[in-house]
Structure formats: structure tokens, C-alpha cells
PDB file of N, CA and C in Angstrom:
ATOM      1  N   MET A   1       2.580  -0.233  -1.050  1.00  0.00           N
ATOM      2  CA  MET A   1       1.815   0.169  -2.208  1.00  0.00           C
ATOM      3  C   MET A   1       1.800  -0.966  -3.212  1.00  0.00           C
ATOM      4  N   THR A   2       0.702  -1.047  -3.886  1.00  0.00           N
ATOM      5  CA  THR A   2       0.546  -2.006  -4.971  1.00  0.00           C
ATOM      6  C   THR A   2      -0.270  -1.335  -6.072  1.00  0.00           C
ATOM      7  N   ASN A   3      -0.230  -1.899  -7.251  1.00  0.00           N
ATOM      8  CA  ASN A   3      -1.033  -1.339  -8.340  1.00  0.00           C
ATOM      9  C   ASN A   3      -2.316  -2.127  -8.584  1.00  0.00           C
ATOM     10  N   ASP A   4      -2.513  -3.205  -7.853  1.00  0.00           N
ATOM     11  CA  ASP A   4      -3.657  -4.084  -8.108  1.00  0.00           C
ATOM     12  C   ASP A   4      -4.503  -4.250  -6.846  1.00  0.00           C
ATOM     13  N   PRO A   5      -5.773  -3.829  -6.869  1.00  0.00           N
ATOM     14  CA  PRO A   5      -6.619  -3.982  -5.676  1.00  0.00           C
ATOM     15  C   PRO A   5      -6.815  -5.435  -5.256  1.00  0.00           C
ATOM     16  N   LYS A   6      -6.581  -6.387  -6.154  1.00  0.00           N
ATOM     17  CA  LYS A   6      -6.706  -7.808  -5.797  1.00  0.00           C
ATOM     18  C   LYS A   6      -5.606  -8.250  -4.835  1.00  0.00           C
ATOM     19  N   ASP A   7      -4.506  -7.472  -4.740  1.00  0.00           N
ATOM     20  CA  ASP A   7      -3.425  -7.799  -3.807  1.00  0.00           C
ATOM     21  C   ASP A   7      -3.806  -7.481  -2.366  1.00  0.00           C
ATOM     22  N   VAL A   8      -4.841  -6.667  -2.182  1.00  0.00           N
ATOM     23  CA  VAL A   8      -5.246  -6.199  -0.855  1.00  0.00           C
ATOM     24  C   VAL A   8      -6.424  -7.042  -0.372  1.00  0.00           C
ATOM     25  N   ASP A   9      -6.301  -7.587   0.853  1.00  0.00           N
ATOM     26  CA  ASP A   9      -7.350  -8.462   1.396  1.00  0.00           C
ATOM     27  C   ASP A   9      -8.679  -7.733   1.545  1.00  0.00           C
ATOM     28  N   VAL A  10      -8.646  -6.608   2.197  1.00  0.00           N
ATOM     29  CA  VAL A  10      -9.846  -5.805   2.431  1.00  0.00           C
ATOM     30  C   VAL A  10      -9.518  -4.406   1.942  1.00  0.00           C
ATOM     31  N   HIS A  11     -10.309  -3.887   0.999  1.00  0.00           N
ATOM     32  CA  HIS A  11     -10.005  -2.556   0.501  1.00  0.00           C
ATOM     33  C   HIS A  11     -11.270  -1.725   0.361  1.00  0.00           C
ATOM     34  N   VAL A  12     -11.068  -0.427   0.475  1.00  0.00           N
ATOM     35  CA  VAL A  12     -12.157   0.536   0.315  1.00  0.00           C
ATOM     36  C   VAL A  12     -11.689   1.611  -0.662  1.00  0.00           C
ATOM     37  N   VAL A  13     -12.642   2.214  -1.330  1.00  0.00           N
ATOM     38  CA  VAL A  13     -12.324   3.285  -2.271  1.00  0.00           C
ATOM     39  C   VAL A  13     -11.713   4.455  -1.507  1.00  0.00           C
ATOM     40  N   TYR A  14     -10.635   4.984  -2.028  1.00  0.00           N
ATOM     41  CA  TYR A  14      -9.951   6.119  -1.410  1.00  0.00           C
ATOM     42  C   TYR A  14     -10.677   7.391  -1.812  1.00  0.00           C
ATOM     43  N   SER A  15     -11.125   8.163  -0.840  1.00  0.00           N
ATOM     44  CA  SER A  15     -11.978   9.311  -1.143  1.00  0.00           C
ATOM     45  C   SER A  15     -11.273  10.663  -1.010  1.00  0.00           C
ATOM     46  N   SER A  16     -10.010  10.669  -0.613  1.00  0.00           N
ATOM     47  CA  SER A  16      -9.274  11.928  -0.489  1.00  0.00           C
ATOM     48  C   SER A  16      -8.639  12.285  -1.832  1.00  0.00           C
ATOM     49  N   ASN A  17      -8.118  13.486  -1.937  1.00  0.00           N
ATOM     50  CA  ASN A  17      -7.478  13.881  -3.184  1.00  0.00           C
ATOM     51  C   ASN A  17      -5.958  13.862  -3.084  1.00  0.00           C
ATOM     52  N   GLU A  18      -5.409  13.257  -2.015  1.00  0.00           N
ATOM     53  CA  GLU A  18      -3.956  13.133  -1.892  1.00  0.00           C
ATOM     54  C   GLU A  18      -3.431  12.225  -3.000  1.00  0.00           C
ATOM     55  N   ARG A  19      -2.165  12.442  -3.382  1.00  0.00           N
ATOM     56  CA  ARG A  19      -1.549  11.666  -4.448  1.00  0.00           C
ATOM     57  C   ARG A  19      -0.168  11.205  -3.993  1.00  0.00           C
ATOM     58  N   VAL A  20       0.384  10.239  -4.695  1.00  0.00           N
ATOM     59  CA  VAL A  20       1.729   9.736  -4.445  1.00  0.00           C
ATOM     60  C   VAL A  20       2.658  10.389  -5.465  1.00  0.00           C
ATOM     61  N   ILE A  21       3.760  10.961  -4.992  1.00  0.00           N
ATOM     62  CA  ILE A  21       4.754  11.552  -5.877  1.00  0.00           C
ATOM     63  C   ILE A  21       5.876  10.530  -6.063  1.00  0.00           C
ATOM     64  N   ILE A  22       6.196  10.226  -7.323  1.00  0.00           N
ATOM     65  CA  ILE A  22       7.250   9.242  -7.603  1.00  0.00           C
ATOM     66  C   ILE A  22       8.539   9.962  -7.998  1.00  0.00           C
ATOM     67  N   GLY A  23       9.601   9.203  -8.182  1.00  0.00           N
ATOM     68  CA  GLY A  23      10.940   9.738  -8.386  1.00  0.00           C
ATOM     69  C   GLY A  23      11.099  10.752  -9.498  1.00  0.00           C
ATOM     70  N   ASN A  24      10.323  10.638 -10.562  1.00  0.00           N
ATOM     71  CA  ASN A  24      10.459  11.587 -11.671  1.00  0.00           C
ATOM     72  C   ASN A  24       9.593  12.832 -11.480  1.00  0.00           C
ATOM     73  N   GLY A  25       8.951  12.951 -10.307  1.00  0.00           N
ATOM     74  CA  GLY A  25       8.124  14.109 -10.003  1.00  0.00           C
ATOM     75  C   GLY A  25       6.658  13.958 -10.379  1.00  0.00           C
ATOM     76  N   GLN A  26       6.326  12.885 -11.071  1.00  0.00           N
ATOM     77  CA  GLN A  26       4.938  12.646 -11.474  1.00  0.00           C
ATOM     78  C   GLN A  26       4.096  12.316 -10.245  1.00  0.00           C
ATOM     79  N   SER A  27       2.851  12.795 -10.227  1.00  0.00           N
ATOM     80  CA  SER A  27       1.950  12.451  -9.125  1.00  0.00           C
ATOM     81  C   SER A  27       0.917  11.444  -9.627  1.00  0.00           C
ATOM     82  N   LEU A  28       0.689  10.430  -8.819  1.00  0.00           N
ATOM     83  CA  LEU A  28      -0.222   9.338  -9.181  1.00  0.00           C
ATOM     84  C   LEU A  28      -1.378   9.293  -8.189  1.00  0.00           C
ATOM     85  N   PHE A  29      -2.570   9.024  -8.700  1.00  0.00           N
ATOM     86  CA  PHE A  29      -3.728   8.973  -7.809  1.00  0.00           C
ATOM     87  C   PHE A  29      -3.786   7.642  -7.068  1.00  0.00           C
ATOM     88  N   ILE A  30      -4.436   7.673  -5.913  1.00  0.00           N
ATOM     89  CA  ILE A  30      -4.650   6.499  -5.064  1.00  0.00           C
ATOM     90  C   ILE A  30      -6.102   6.085  -5.257  1.00  0.00           C
ATOM     91  N   SER A  31      -6.332   4.828  -5.661  1.00  0.00           N
ATOM     92  CA  SER A  31      -7.703   4.391  -5.917  1.00  0.00           C
ATOM     93  C   SER A  31      -8.358   3.735  -4.703  1.00  0.00           C
ATOM     94  N   HIS A  32      -7.567   3.019  -3.888  1.00  0.00           N
ATOM     95  CA  HIS A  32      -8.097   2.284  -2.734  1.00  0.00           C
ATOM     96  C   HIS A  32      -7.064   2.276  -1.614  1.00  0.00           C
ATOM     97  N   THR A  33      -7.511   1.965  -0.412  1.00  0.00           N
ATOM     98  CA  THR A  33      -6.629   1.664   0.715  1.00  0.00           C
ATOM     99  C   THR A  33      -7.139   0.385   1.349  1.00  0.00           C
ATOM    100  N   GLY A  34      -6.274  -0.289   2.081  1.00  0.00           N
ATOM    101  CA  GLY A  34      -6.719  -1.517   2.735  1.00  0.00           C
ATOM    102  C   GLY A  34      -5.618  -2.160   3.535  1.00  0.00           C
ATOM    103  N   SER A  35      -5.760  -3.455   3.766  1.00  0.00           N
ATOM    104  CA  SER A  35      -4.781  -4.214   4.542  1.00  0.00           C
ATOM    105  C   SER A  35      -4.393  -5.482   3.785  1.00  0.00           C
ATOM    106  N   VAL A  36      -3.204  -5.969   4.107  1.00  0.00           N
ATOM    107  CA  VAL A  36      -2.665  -7.172   3.470  1.00  0.00           C
ATOM    108  C   VAL A  36      -2.150  -8.087   4.567  1.00  0.00           C
ATOM    109  N   SER A  37      -2.556  -9.344   4.537  1.00  0.00           N
ATOM    110  CA  SER A  37      -2.040 -10.311   5.508  1.00  0.00           C
ATOM    111  C   SER A  37      -1.373 -11.495   4.824  1.00  0.00           C
ATOM    112  N   THR A  38      -1.339 -11.503   3.513  1.00  0.00           N
ATOM    113  CA  THR A  38      -0.816 -12.656   2.776  1.00  0.00           C
ATOM    114  C   THR A  38       0.565 -12.413   2.183  1.00  0.00           C
ATOM    115  N   LEU A  39       1.227 -11.340   2.582  1.00  0.00           N
ATOM    116  CA  LEU A  39       2.543 -11.018   2.041  1.00  0.00           C
ATOM    117  C   LEU A  39       3.578 -12.065   2.406  1.00  0.00           C
ATOM    118  N   VAL A  40       3.525 -12.556   3.632  1.00  0.00           N
ATOM    119  CA  VAL A  40       4.478 -13.549   4.112  1.00  0.00           C
ATOM    120  C   VAL A  40       3.715 -14.851   4.368  1.00  0.00           C
ATOM    121  N   PRO A  41       3.898 -15.867   3.520  1.00  0.00           N
ATOM    122  CA  PRO A  41       3.173 -17.133   3.719  1.00  0.00           C
ATOM    123  C   PRO A  41       3.460 -17.739   5.098  1.00  0.00           C
ATOM    124  N   ASN A  42       2.449 -18.339   5.694  1.00  0.00           N
ATOM    125  CA  ASN A  42       2.553 -19.022   6.988  1.00  0.00           C
ATOM    126  C   ASN A  42       3.002 -18.089   8.113  1.00  0.00           C
ATOM    127  N   ASN A  43       2.657 -16.806   8.009  1.00  0.00           N
ATOM    128  CA  ASN A  43       3.013 -15.847   9.045  1.00  0.00           C
ATOM    129  C   ASN A  43       1.829 -14.915   9.232  1.00  0.00           C
ATOM    130  N   SER A  44       1.674 -14.384  10.413  1.00  0.00           N
ATOM    131  CA  SER A  44       0.524 -13.529  10.700  1.00  0.00           C
ATOM    132  C   SER A  44       0.855 -12.040  10.601  1.00  0.00           C
ATOM    133  N   LEU A  45       1.783 -11.675   9.738  1.00  0.00           N
ATOM    134  CA  LEU A  45       2.142 -10.276   9.556  1.00  0.00           C
ATOM    135  C   LEU A  45       1.005  -9.547   8.851  1.00  0.00           C
ATOM    136  N   LEU A  46       0.461  -8.522   9.496  1.00  0.00           N
ATOM    137  CA  LEU A  46      -0.621  -7.725   8.916  1.00  0.00           C
ATOM    138  C   LEU A  46      -0.075  -6.357   8.563  1.00  0.00           C
ATOM    139  N   LEU A  47      -0.256  -5.954   7.326  1.00  0.00           N
ATOM    140  CA  LEU A  47       0.123  -4.613   6.888  1.00  0.00           C
ATOM    141  C   LEU A  47      -1.147  -3.799   6.737  1.00  0.00           C
ATOM    142  N   SER A  48      -1.197  -2.667   7.409  1.00  0.00           N
ATOM    143  CA  SER A  48      -2.363  -1.788   7.362  1.00  0.00           C
ATOM    144  C   SER A  48      -2.059  -0.579   6.496  1.00  0.00           C
ATOM    145  N   ASN A  49      -3.110   0.118   6.095  1.00  0.00           N
ATOM    146  CA  ASN A  49      -2.962   1.353   5.317  1.00  0.00           C
ATOM    147  C   ASN A  49      -2.169   1.144   4.032  1.00  0.00           C
ATOM    148  N   VAL A  50      -2.417   0.035   3.363  1.00  0.00           N
ATOM    149  CA  VAL A  50      -1.778  -0.238   2.081  1.00  0.00           C
ATOM    150  C   VAL A  50      -2.495   0.581   1.020  1.00  0.00           C
ATOM    151  N   LEU A  51      -1.726   1.286   0.210  1.00  0.00           N
ATOM    152  CA  LEU A  51      -2.301   2.112  -0.846  1.00  0.00           C
ATOM    153  C   LEU A  51      -2.327   1.345  -2.161  1.00  0.00           C
ATOM    154  N   VAL A  52      -3.432   1.463  -2.896  1.00  0.00           N
ATOM    155  CA  VAL A  52      -3.522   0.922  -4.250  1.00  0.00           C
ATOM    156  C   VAL A  52      -3.342   2.115  -5.186  1.00  0.00           C
ATOM    157  N   VAL A  53      -2.234   2.083  -5.924  1.00  0.00           N
ATOM    158  CA  VAL A  53      -1.869   3.171  -6.834  1.00  0.00           C
ATOM    159  C   VAL A  53      -1.713   2.553  -8.220  1.00  0.00           C
ATOM    160  N   PRO A  54      -2.751   2.624  -9.051  1.00  0.00           N
ATOM    161  CA  PRO A  54      -2.713   1.942 -10.346  1.00  0.00           C
ATOM    162  C   PRO A  54      -1.533   2.315 -11.235  1.00  0.00           C
ATOM    163  N   GLY A  55      -0.960   3.491 -11.070  1.00  0.00           N
ATOM    164  CA  GLY A  55       0.112   3.940 -11.945  1.00  0.00           C
ATOM    165  C   GLY A  55       1.506   3.450 -11.603  1.00  0.00           C
ATOM    166  N   ILE A  56       1.691   2.780 -10.456  1.00  0.00           N
ATOM    167  CA  ILE A  56       3.041   2.314 -10.126  1.00  0.00           C
ATOM    168  C   ILE A  56       3.305   0.982 -10.806  1.00  0.00           C
ATOM    169  N   THR A  57       4.572   0.679 -11.034  1.00  0.00           N
ATOM    170  CA  THR A  57       4.920  -0.561 -11.736  1.00  0.00           C
ATOM    171  C   THR A  57       5.496  -1.630 -10.818  1.00  0.00           C
ATOM    172  N   LYS A  58       5.905  -1.257  -9.610  1.00  0.00           N
ATOM    173  CA  LYS A  58       6.466  -2.204  -8.645  1.00  0.00           C
ATOM    174  C   LYS A  58       5.743  -2.064  -7.315  1.00  0.00           C
ATOM    175  N   LYS A  59       5.632  -3.152  -6.592  1.00  0.00           N
ATOM    176  CA  LYS A  59       5.087  -3.108  -5.244  1.00  0.00           C
ATOM    177  C   LYS A  59       6.156  -2.521  -4.317  1.00  0.00           C
ATOM    178  N   LEU A  60       5.732  -1.669  -3.399  1.00  0.00           N
ATOM    179  CA  LEU A  60       6.667  -1.009  -2.494  1.00  0.00           C
ATOM    180  C   LEU A  60       6.217  -1.202  -1.057  1.00  0.00           C
ATOM    181  N   ILE A  61       7.190  -1.290  -0.157  1.00  0.00           N
ATOM    182  CA  ILE A  61       6.898  -1.364   1.264  1.00  0.00           C
ATOM    183  C   ILE A  61       7.808  -0.373   1.991  1.00  0.00           C
ATOM    184  N   SER A  62       7.258   0.333   2.944  1.00  0.00           N
ATOM    185  CA  SER A  62       8.031   1.271   3.746  1.00  0.00           C
ATOM    186  C   SER A  62       8.530   0.539   4.990  1.00  0.00           C
ATOM    187  N   ILE A  63       9.820   0.289   5.028  1.00  0.00           N
ATOM    188  CA  ILE A  63      10.403  -0.387   6.192  1.00  0.00           C
ATOM    189  C   ILE A  63      10.273   0.505   7.424  1.00  0.00           C
ATOM    190  N   SER A  64      10.440   1.807   7.252  1.00  0.00           N
ATOM    191  CA  SER A  64      10.290   2.742   8.364  1.00  0.00           C
ATOM    192  C   SER A  64       8.888   2.651   8.971  1.00  0.00           C
ATOM    193  N   GLN A  65       7.870   2.673   8.130  1.00  0.00           N
ATOM    194  CA  GLN A  65       6.493   2.576   8.630  1.00  0.00           C
ATOM    195  C   GLN A  65       6.232   1.221   9.268  1.00  0.00           C
ATOM    196  N   LEU A  66       6.754   0.154   8.674  1.00  0.00           N
ATOM    197  CA  LEU A  66       6.580  -1.191   9.214  1.00  0.00           C
ATOM    198  C   LEU A  66       7.181  -1.297  10.615  1.00  0.00           C
ATOM    199  N   THR A  67       8.381  -0.768  10.810  1.00  0.00           N
ATOM    200  CA  THR A  67       9.008  -0.865  12.133  1.00  0.00           C
ATOM    201  C   THR A  67       8.275  -0.004  13.161  1.00  0.00           C
ATOM    202  N   LYS A  68       7.726   1.137  12.736  1.00  0.00           N
ATOM    203  CA  LYS A  68       6.925   1.953  13.657  1.00  0.00           C
ATOM    204  C   LYS A  68       5.644   1.233  14.047  1.00  0.00           C
ATOM    205  N   ASP A  69       4.951   0.662  13.055  1.00  0.00           N
ATOM    206  CA  ASP A  69       3.684  -0.039  13.325  1.00  0.00           C
ATOM    207  C   ASP A  69       3.877  -1.253  14.218  1.00  0.00           C
ATOM    208  N   LYS A  70       5.014  -1.942  14.087  1.00  0.00           N
ATOM    209  CA  LYS A  70       5.264  -3.183  14.836  1.00  0.00           C
ATOM    210  C   LYS A  70       6.149  -2.957  16.063  1.00  0.00           C
ATOM    211  N   ASN A  71       6.418  -1.668  16.396  1.00  0.00           N
ATOM    212  CA  ASN A  71       7.236  -1.314  17.557  1.00  0.00           C
ATOM    213  C   ASN A  71       8.587  -2.038  17.564  1.00  0.00           C
ATOM    214  N   CYS A  72       9.252  -2.017  16.439  1.00  0.00           N
ATOM    215  CA  CYS A  72      10.575  -2.659  16.323  1.00  0.00           C
ATOM    216  C   CYS A  72      11.673  -1.632  16.436  1.00  0.00           C
TER     217      CYS A  72
END
């Protein structure tokens, strides 16, 4: 997750009404989804299904999802 659509290489407007629930119970809307390939310089790591959530303050990555996607 990121709060800035410029962090995502290819993004599309998110059209569902699902939201992200954060630690204090607040729900935040998702504005876009996309993919990121520039997270690791000089590496071809592609992250898919990246959510753009304008209300978050830190970028987050799910290690569990990453290991499932990369069969690790």
C-alpha cells in the first residue's frame, strides 16, 4: 500500500467499495490499484495488486502476500 498514485507504475481507478481498516479501527478508501516494479533498484521484483490509499501515512508491504505470489 502507498498513499501516492505516483509510486505505482501502472494504476487504474479502484471501482469497488471495499476499504482498508487500520489499527485504530478507522476505514480508509482505496483510490487506485496497480503494480510497482521500482521498489528494489536494479532488480526485477514486480509487486502486483498494490493499493493506493490516500489516508495512510506509511508505505506497507505484506510479506505473507509477497511470499505467496513469488512461491517462496
